[in-house]
Amino acid sequence: MTPVLRKEKFNLPEGQVYLDGNSLGPLPKHVPARVAEVVRDEWGELLIKGWNAAGWMAQPSRVGDRIGRLIGAPAGSVVTGDTLSVKVFQAVAAAIKLRPERRVILSDTGNFPSDLYMVEGLIKTVGRGYSLRTVAPEQVADAIDDSVAAVLLTQVDYRTGRMHDMQELTGKAHAAGAVMVWDLAHSAGAIPVDLAGCDAELAVGCTYKYLNAGPGAPAFIYVRPDLATKVEPALSGWLGHRAPFDFALRYAPGEGIERMRVGTPPVLQMAALEAALEVWDDVDMNAVRDASIALQEQFIAEVEARVPDLVLASPRDPQLRGSQVSFAFEHGYAAMQALIEQGVVGDFRAPDIMRFGITPLYIDSGDISTAVQKIEQVISNRLWDASRFQIRKQVT
């Protein structure tokens, strides 16, 4: 089996252990040259001809197929473009139209707030008595009943890494006649995903975390192939039209997954994404998962042995968490700022979570030990108590 570790492919600042790839993946070394080539040779020389000659218009589906391999989706079922929030809106809007007689959208209190905000906005827009019901993550299965039109869940909890059972909950949704929508923001490139196998109707995700496509990189949306010609796009954008360059005054949805396109593809960001995905060409996601679990277990064992003030906030069972480990600490924000100054980069999530992404493509056992050593120094010596670390920055 091809080794997972490929640290040499990434731009990793010397003297730094980067444990924040679950928030923003590092830059693959070959991406700047590819983006520069697109700017110089395609935009610069081809100008508007690039839409045809350089294949810009076909990017969203072409790149979608490359992502599809990593999430267990068949060719022609994934398209990229727009932001994750837009894709959440699209997916949930399409889901409730598939169950027009029902009025409940179910999610959980561990979901990423933006997903819930988008559902709230959708409900205000649609009206007609829809409501958002949120329950504790462990109560989701029991809350799925015949009033639920759609279930929207993020597979891996952004705070703790707790992981929903995709197969089980999709089955529960279907047994109750509901539509299943998965947010794979913390799954794609982190854990094996089998969308075709679990039979979920829709899924969305971002590409700037584990897929290393850069800040603001476009999101993706998946529609189960048998529904691709049935879902009704709530955002009926020009490029989701069946024949956009006919400039018809009335919208006609495109064929298959193409109807889930909305606006003009962000060509430069898409070029960065497409180049970044080359890192994954020979990667087996099961091998990634095995390596990730081994590193997580090492990290937890060493932190608990050397830094007892930190309390594990992630599930103890590695099969129940994604590719991150979180610890709770009363002074978590300040401690994380001090740790970053020491060369170990993680991040913080309110109210007290210190979050560490474990990404085995560029993290190895030595990095884990170095990180724990620095964590011990920060906590044991109360380095976090310095006043400069108490000031909250705009991004935590």
Protein backbone atom coordinates (compact mmCIF):
# COMPACT_ATOMS: atom_id res chain seq x y z
CA MET A 1 0.00 0.00 0.00
CA THR A 2 1.29 3.48 -0.86
CA PRO A 3 2.51 5.29 2.28
CA VAL A 4 0.21 8.04 3.51
CA LEU A 5 2.85 10.49 4.72
CA ARG A 6 3.91 12.95 2.00
CA LYS A 7 5.19 15.87 4.02
CA GLU A 8 7.53 16.88 1.22
CA LYS A 9 4.55 17.87 -0.92
CA PHE A 10 3.43 20.65 1.44
CA ASN A 11 4.70 24.11 2.30
CA LEU A 12 5.18 23.77 6.06
CA PRO A 13 7.04 26.59 7.82
CA GLU A 14 10.21 25.35 9.47
CA GLY A 15 10.03 24.87 13.22
CA GLN A 16 6.25 24.68 13.24
CA VAL A 17 3.90 21.76 13.93
CA TYR A 18 0.68 22.46 12.08
CA LEU A 19 -2.33 20.87 13.78
CA ASP A 20 -4.99 23.09 12.22
CA GLY A 21 -5.58 21.41 8.88
CA ASN A 22 -9.13 20.73 10.05
CA SER A 23 -9.69 24.47 9.75
CA LEU A 24 -7.38 25.47 6.88
CA GLY A 25 -5.17 22.99 5.11
CA PRO A 26 -1.57 23.93 4.29
CA LEU A 27 -0.42 24.89 0.80
CA PRO A 28 0.66 22.02 -1.48
CA LYS A 29 3.96 23.13 -2.99
CA HIS A 30 2.94 22.74 -6.62
CA VAL A 31 -0.25 24.84 -6.34
CA PRO A 32 1.32 28.33 -6.70
CA ALA A 33 2.93 27.39 -10.01
CA ARG A 34 -0.34 26.02 -11.34
CA VAL A 35 -2.32 29.11 -10.30
CA ALA A 36 0.39 31.34 -11.78
CA GLU A 37 0.15 29.37 -15.02
CA VAL A 38 -3.61 29.90 -15.16
CA VAL A 39 -3.17 33.63 -14.51
CA ARG A 40 -0.34 34.06 -16.99
CA ASP A 41 -1.08 31.63 -19.81
CA GLU A 42 -4.84 31.23 -19.64
CA TRP A 43 -6.29 34.47 -18.32
CA GLY A 44 -3.33 36.51 -19.59
CA GLU A 45 -3.05 35.07 -23.09
CA LEU A 46 -6.40 33.50 -23.83
CA LEU A 47 -8.53 36.14 -22.16
CA ILE A 48 -12.21 35.28 -22.65
CA LYS A 49 -11.28 32.38 -24.93
CA GLY A 50 -10.22 30.55 -21.76
CA TRP A 51 -13.81 29.57 -21.03
CA ASN A 52 -13.64 27.19 -23.99
CA ALA A 53 -9.98 26.69 -24.78
CA ALA A 54 -8.82 26.18 -21.19
CA GLY A 55 -11.92 24.32 -20.06
CA TRP A 56 -12.95 26.83 -17.40
CA MET A 57 -16.65 26.22 -17.90
CA ALA A 58 -16.23 22.48 -17.37
CA GLN A 59 -14.21 22.90 -14.16
CA PRO A 60 -17.05 22.51 -11.64
CA SER A 61 -18.01 19.02 -12.81
CA ARG A 62 -14.49 17.89 -13.64
CA VAL A 63 -13.25 18.81 -10.19
CA GLY A 64 -16.42 17.43 -8.65
CA ASP A 65 -15.60 13.99 -10.01
CA ARG A 66 -12.17 14.10 -8.38
CA ILE A 67 -13.75 14.93 -5.03
CA GLY A 68 -16.35 12.23 -5.62
CA ARG A 69 -13.66 9.54 -5.46
CA LEU A 70 -12.83 10.62 -1.90
CA ILE A 71 -16.42 10.58 -0.65
CA GLY A 72 -17.74 7.43 -2.31
CA ALA A 73 -19.77 9.25 -4.95
CA PRO A 74 -20.11 8.01 -8.55
CA ALA A 75 -18.96 10.07 -11.50
CA GLY A 76 -21.35 12.81 -12.50
CA SER A 77 -22.92 13.23 -9.06
CA VAL A 78 -20.77 16.02 -7.56
CA VAL A 79 -20.35 19.61 -8.69
CA THR A 80 -18.22 22.39 -7.18
CA GLY A 81 -18.69 26.13 -6.85
CA ASP A 82 -20.08 28.80 -4.53
CA THR A 83 -19.65 28.61 -0.74
CA LEU A 84 -20.62 25.87 1.67
CA SER A 85 -23.40 28.02 3.12
CA VAL A 86 -24.90 28.38 -0.36
CA LYS A 87 -24.66 24.63 -0.90
CA VAL A 88 -26.36 23.93 2.44
CA PHE A 89 -29.22 26.22 1.41
CA GLN A 90 -29.47 24.46 -1.96
CA ALA A 91 -29.41 20.98 -0.48
CA VAL A 92 -32.01 21.56 2.25
CA ALA A 93 -34.29 23.49 -0.12
CA ALA A 94 -34.14 20.59 -2.58
CA ALA A 95 -34.72 18.07 0.21
CA ILE A 96 -37.93 19.63 1.54
CA LYS A 97 -39.35 19.86 -1.96
CA LEU A 98 -38.98 16.08 -2.18
CA ARG A 99 -41.31 15.76 0.85
CA PRO A 100 -43.83 18.59 0.29
CA GLU A 101 -46.36 17.20 2.78
CA ARG A 102 -43.95 17.49 5.75
CA ARG A 103 -42.86 20.61 7.63
CA VAL A 104 -39.97 19.72 9.99
CA ILE A 105 -36.25 20.03 9.28
CA LEU A 106 -34.29 18.11 11.91
CA SER A 107 -30.73 18.82 12.99
CA ASP A 108 -28.67 18.62 16.18
CA THR A 109 -27.24 21.07 18.67
CA GLY A 110 -23.70 20.05 17.75
CA ASN A 111 -24.13 21.15 14.14
CA PHE A 112 -22.03 23.98 12.78
CA PRO A 113 -24.06 27.14 13.48
CA SER A 114 -23.87 28.36 9.89
CA ASP A 115 -25.82 25.30 8.75
CA LEU A 116 -28.55 26.14 11.23
CA TYR A 117 -28.50 29.81 10.21
CA MET A 118 -29.02 28.86 6.57
CA VAL A 119 -31.96 26.66 7.50
CA GLU A 120 -33.48 29.49 9.54
CA GLY A 121 -33.10 31.80 6.54
CA LEU A 122 -34.65 29.20 4.24
CA ILE A 123 -37.62 28.79 6.57
CA LYS A 124 -38.19 32.56 6.70
CA THR A 125 -38.05 32.66 2.91
CA VAL A 126 -40.32 29.68 2.27
CA GLY A 127 -42.82 30.17 5.11
CA ARG A 128 -45.71 27.68 4.92
CA GLY A 129 -45.26 26.47 8.50
CA TYR A 130 -41.79 24.95 8.28
CA SER A 131 -39.80 24.64 11.50
CA LEU A 132 -36.25 23.71 12.51
CA ARG A 133 -36.07 21.12 15.28
CA THR A 134 -32.71 20.62 17.02
CA VAL A 135 -31.97 17.87 19.51
CA ALA A 136 -28.83 16.66 21.26
CA PRO A 137 -26.60 14.62 18.92
CA GLU A 138 -27.27 11.38 20.77
CA GLN A 139 -31.03 11.95 20.45
CA VAL A 140 -31.15 12.33 16.68
CA ALA A 141 -32.08 8.74 15.89
CA ASP A 142 -35.10 8.81 18.20
CA ALA A 143 -36.20 12.23 16.93
CA ILE A 144 -36.61 11.12 13.32
CA ASP A 145 -40.33 10.52 12.79
CA ASP A 146 -42.97 10.90 10.10
CA SER A 147 -43.18 14.68 10.60
CA VAL A 148 -39.59 15.16 9.40
CA ALA A 149 -39.06 16.24 5.82
CA ALA A 150 -35.28 16.42 5.93
CA VAL A 151 -32.48 15.56 8.33
CA LEU A 152 -29.43 17.83 8.14
CA LEU A 153 -26.35 16.64 10.03
CA THR A 154 -22.66 17.39 9.96
CA GLN A 155 -21.01 13.98 10.14
CA VAL A 156 -18.05 15.09 12.27
CA ASP A 157 -18.65 17.63 15.03
CA TYR A 158 -16.53 20.73 14.49
CA ARG A 159 -15.82 21.20 18.21
CA THR A 160 -15.11 17.72 19.54
CA GLY A 161 -14.68 15.51 16.50
CA ARG A 162 -17.59 13.30 17.62
CA MET A 163 -18.78 11.37 14.59
CA HIS A 164 -22.31 10.40 13.59
CA ASP A 165 -22.90 6.95 12.13
CA MET A 166 -23.76 7.85 8.55
CA GLN A 167 -25.10 4.44 7.60
CA GLU A 168 -27.32 4.08 10.66
CA LEU A 169 -28.83 7.56 10.63
CA THR A 170 -29.42 7.56 6.89
CA GLY A 171 -31.24 4.28 7.34
CA LYS A 172 -33.31 5.76 10.18
CA ALA A 173 -34.23 8.76 8.03
CA HIS A 174 -35.30 6.56 5.14
CA ALA A 175 -37.31 4.26 7.40
CA ALA A 176 -39.27 7.32 8.53
CA GLY A 177 -39.68 8.58 4.96
CA ALA A 178 -37.32 11.57 5.44
CA VAL A 179 -34.60 12.89 3.13
CA MET A 180 -31.00 12.76 4.39
CA VAL A 181 -28.56 15.64 3.91
CA TRP A 182 -24.96 15.28 5.14
CA ASP A 183 -22.45 18.07 5.67
CA LEU A 184 -19.00 16.58 5.03
CA ALA A 185 -16.96 19.68 5.92
CA HIS A 186 -14.90 17.73 8.47
CA SER A 187 -15.10 14.40 6.63
CA ALA A 188 -13.88 14.87 3.06
CA GLY A 189 -10.19 14.01 3.02
CA ALA A 190 -10.26 13.03 6.70
CA ILE A 191 -12.20 9.78 6.94
CA PRO A 192 -13.56 7.20 4.47
CA VAL A 193 -17.02 8.22 3.27
CA ASP A 194 -19.38 6.04 1.24
CA LEU A 195 -22.24 8.18 -0.03
CA ALA A 196 -23.32 5.61 -2.59
CA GLY A 197 -23.21 2.84 -0.01
CA CYS A 198 -25.28 4.68 2.60
CA ASP A 199 -27.79 5.85 -0.05
CA ALA A 200 -28.03 9.45 1.22
CA GLU A 201 -29.91 11.77 -1.08
CA LEU A 202 -27.73 14.87 -0.75
CA ALA A 203 -24.40 15.94 0.72
CA VAL A 204 -22.31 19.08 0.80
CA GLY A 205 -18.81 19.98 1.93
CA CYS A 206 -15.94 22.42 1.73
CA THR A 207 -12.46 22.02 0.25
CA TYR A 208 -10.25 24.40 2.26
CA LYS A 209 -9.79 22.05 5.22
CA TYR A 210 -8.42 18.57 4.61
CA LEU A 211 -8.42 19.02 0.81
CA ASN A 212 -5.96 21.94 1.08
CA ALA A 213 -7.51 24.15 -1.60
CA GLY A 214 -6.89 27.47 0.15
CA PRO A 215 -8.94 30.10 2.00
CA GLY A 216 -12.30 30.68 0.37
CA ALA A 217 -12.00 27.61 -1.85
CA PRO A 218 -15.28 26.53 -3.48
CA ALA A 219 -17.61 24.03 -1.87
CA PHE A 220 -19.23 20.96 -3.41
CA ILE A 221 -22.67 19.40 -3.53
CA TYR A 222 -23.69 15.80 -4.17
CA VAL A 223 -27.05 14.57 -5.42
CA ARG A 224 -27.86 10.87 -5.56
CA PRO A 225 -27.91 9.95 -9.27
CA ASP A 226 -31.51 8.73 -9.34
CA LEU A 227 -32.64 12.14 -8.03
CA ALA A 228 -30.41 14.34 -10.17
CA THR A 229 -33.13 15.01 -12.73
CA LYS A 230 -35.84 15.37 -10.05
CA VAL A 231 -34.45 17.85 -7.53
CA GLU A 232 -35.68 21.40 -8.01
CA PRO A 233 -32.98 24.06 -7.52
CA ALA A 234 -34.16 26.85 -5.22
CA LEU A 235 -31.26 28.97 -6.46
CA SER A 236 -31.95 28.84 -10.17
CA GLY A 237 -28.73 30.44 -11.32
CA TRP A 238 -27.75 31.18 -14.89
CA LEU A 239 -25.16 28.41 -15.05
CA GLY A 240 -27.60 25.86 -13.67
CA HIS A 241 -29.78 26.49 -16.73
CA ARG A 242 -30.16 23.79 -19.35
CA ALA A 243 -28.83 26.13 -22.05
CA PRO A 244 -27.36 29.22 -20.41
CA PHE A 245 -26.13 30.72 -23.66
CA ASP A 246 -29.55 30.60 -25.23
CA PHE A 247 -30.37 33.44 -22.79
CA ALA A 248 -33.97 32.31 -22.38
CA LEU A 249 -36.02 34.52 -20.10
CA ARG A 250 -37.45 31.56 -18.15
CA TYR A 251 -35.39 29.10 -16.15
CA ALA A 252 -35.11 25.48 -17.27
CA PRO A 253 -32.99 23.25 -14.99
CA GLY A 254 -29.84 21.71 -16.41
CA GLU A 255 -29.25 18.03 -16.91
CA GLY A 256 -28.40 16.05 -13.80
CA ILE A 257 -25.97 17.52 -11.30
CA GLU A 258 -25.37 20.52 -13.58
CA ARG A 259 -28.64 22.04 -12.33
CA MET A 260 -27.00 22.53 -8.92
CA ARG A 261 -24.58 25.06 -10.35
CA VAL A 262 -25.41 28.66 -9.51
CA GLY A 263 -22.91 31.39 -10.37
CA THR A 264 -19.80 31.80 -12.48
CA PRO A 265 -17.02 29.39 -11.43
CA PRO A 266 -14.22 31.06 -9.43
CA VAL A 267 -11.60 29.98 -11.94
CA LEU A 268 -8.46 30.84 -9.96
CA GLN A 269 -9.71 29.20 -6.77
CA MET A 270 -10.92 26.24 -8.78
CA ALA A 271 -7.47 25.93 -10.35
CA ALA A 272 -5.92 25.84 -6.88
CA LEU A 273 -8.42 23.18 -5.81
CA GLU A 274 -7.86 21.04 -8.87
CA ALA A 275 -4.10 21.19 -8.41
CA ALA A 276 -4.36 20.48 -4.67
CA LEU A 277 -6.38 17.34 -5.37
CA GLU A 278 -3.37 15.87 -7.18
CA VAL A 279 -1.94 15.12 -3.73
CA TRP A 280 -4.80 12.64 -3.30
CA ASP A 281 -4.42 10.80 -6.60
CA ASP A 282 -2.81 7.68 -5.11
CA VAL A 283 -4.10 7.97 -1.55
CA ASP A 284 -6.24 5.26 -0.01
CA MET A 285 -8.70 6.77 2.46
CA ASN A 286 -8.67 3.64 4.62
CA ALA A 287 -4.91 4.01 5.02
CA VAL A 288 -5.39 7.68 5.90
CA ARG A 289 -7.90 6.67 8.55
CA ASP A 290 -5.60 4.04 10.08
CA ALA A 291 -2.69 6.50 10.24
CA SER A 292 -4.90 9.21 11.69
CA ILE A 293 -6.20 6.98 14.48
CA ALA A 294 -2.67 5.87 15.40
CA LEU A 295 -1.52 9.50 15.69
CA GLN A 296 -4.64 10.50 17.63
CA GLU A 297 -4.15 7.69 20.12
CA GLN A 298 -0.51 8.70 20.60
CA PHE A 299 -1.54 12.33 21.09
CA ILE A 300 -4.23 11.55 23.66
CA ALA A 301 -2.00 9.17 25.62
CA GLU A 302 0.90 11.62 25.79
CA VAL A 303 -1.24 14.64 26.68
CA GLU A 304 -3.07 12.80 29.44
CA ALA A 305 0.20 11.48 30.86
CA ARG A 306 1.98 14.84 30.83
CA VAL A 307 -0.72 17.53 30.95
CA PRO A 308 -3.47 16.38 33.34
CA ASP A 309 -5.05 19.87 33.43
CA LEU A 310 -6.44 19.24 29.95
CA VAL A 311 -9.61 17.18 29.81
CA LEU A 312 -10.40 15.09 26.75
CA ALA A 313 -13.50 16.54 25.03
CA SER A 314 -13.45 14.14 22.08
CA PRO A 315 -14.90 10.63 22.25
CA ARG A 316 -12.54 8.15 23.89
CA ASP A 317 -13.33 5.49 21.28
CA PRO A 318 -11.37 6.35 18.10
CA GLN A 319 -14.12 4.85 15.97
CA LEU A 320 -16.49 7.54 17.24
CA ARG A 321 -14.39 10.57 16.29
CA GLY A 322 -13.15 12.06 13.05
CA SER A 323 -9.61 13.26 12.42
CA GLN A 324 -9.26 15.76 15.25
CA VAL A 325 -8.71 15.66 19.00
CA SER A 326 -10.12 18.30 21.32
CA PHE A 327 -9.29 19.06 24.93
CA ALA A 328 -11.21 21.30 27.30
CA PHE A 329 -9.30 23.84 29.39
CA GLU A 330 -10.69 26.79 31.30
CA HIS A 331 -8.10 29.13 29.77
CA GLY A 332 -8.22 27.45 26.38
CA TYR A 333 -8.10 30.56 24.22
CA ALA A 334 -5.07 32.07 25.95
CA ALA A 335 -3.34 28.69 26.11
CA MET A 336 -3.81 28.19 22.38
CA GLN A 337 -2.36 31.64 21.64
CA ALA A 338 0.66 30.83 23.79
CA LEU A 339 1.03 27.47 22.10
CA ILE A 340 0.95 29.04 18.65
CA GLU A 341 3.74 31.37 19.73
CA GLN A 342 5.70 28.26 20.70
CA GLY A 343 5.32 26.88 17.17
CA VAL A 344 2.40 24.47 17.57
CA VAL A 345 -0.67 25.65 15.65
CA GLY A 346 -4.12 24.49 16.67
CA ASP A 347 -7.21 26.59 17.26
CA PHE A 348 -9.91 27.37 19.81
CA ARG A 349 -13.67 26.98 19.83
CA ALA A 350 -15.86 28.53 22.50
CA PRO A 351 -16.39 28.07 25.31
CA ASP A 352 -13.24 26.14 26.29
CA ILE A 353 -12.15 23.81 23.48
CA MET A 354 -8.55 23.53 22.30
CA ARG A 355 -8.78 21.83 18.92
CA PHE A 356 -6.05 19.85 17.15
CA GLY A 357 -6.39 18.47 13.62
CA ILE A 358 -4.56 15.20 12.98
CA THR A 359 -3.72 15.01 9.28
CA PRO A 360 -1.34 12.14 8.48
CA LEU A 361 -0.43 13.41 5.03
CA TYR A 362 1.98 15.83 6.72
CA ILE A 363 1.95 14.99 10.45
CA ASP A 364 4.06 12.15 11.85
CA SER A 365 4.76 10.62 15.25
CA GLY A 366 7.66 12.98 15.91
CA ASP A 367 5.42 15.98 15.30
CA ILE A 368 2.93 14.65 17.84
CA SER A 369 5.62 14.27 20.51
CA THR A 370 6.97 17.76 19.81
CA ALA A 371 3.47 19.20 20.08
CA VAL A 372 2.82 17.52 23.42
CA GLN A 373 6.15 18.76 24.77
CA LYS A 374 5.17 22.32 23.88
CA ILE A 375 1.68 21.90 25.34
CA GLU A 376 3.22 20.74 28.59
CA GLN A 377 5.49 23.79 28.69
CA VAL A 378 2.60 26.19 28.07
CA ILE A 379 0.32 24.67 30.70
CA SER A 380 2.84 23.71 33.39
CA ASN A 381 4.63 27.05 33.25
CA ARG A 382 1.41 29.04 32.90
CA LEU A 383 2.74 30.73 29.78
CA TRP A 384 -0.87 31.36 28.81
CA ASP A 385 -1.24 33.80 31.71
CA ALA A 386 0.60 36.60 29.88
CA SER A 387 -1.69 39.55 29.19
CA ARG A 388 -1.09 39.52 25.43
CA PHE A 389 -2.71 36.10 25.18
CA GLN A 390 -5.93 37.26 26.85
CA ILE A 391 -6.89 39.60 23.99
CA ARG A 392 -9.37 37.91 21.67
CA LYS A 393 -8.58 38.19 17.98
CA GLN A 394 -11.26 38.35 15.32
CA VAL A 395 -10.57 34.75 14.27
CA THR A 396 -10.00 32.24 17.06
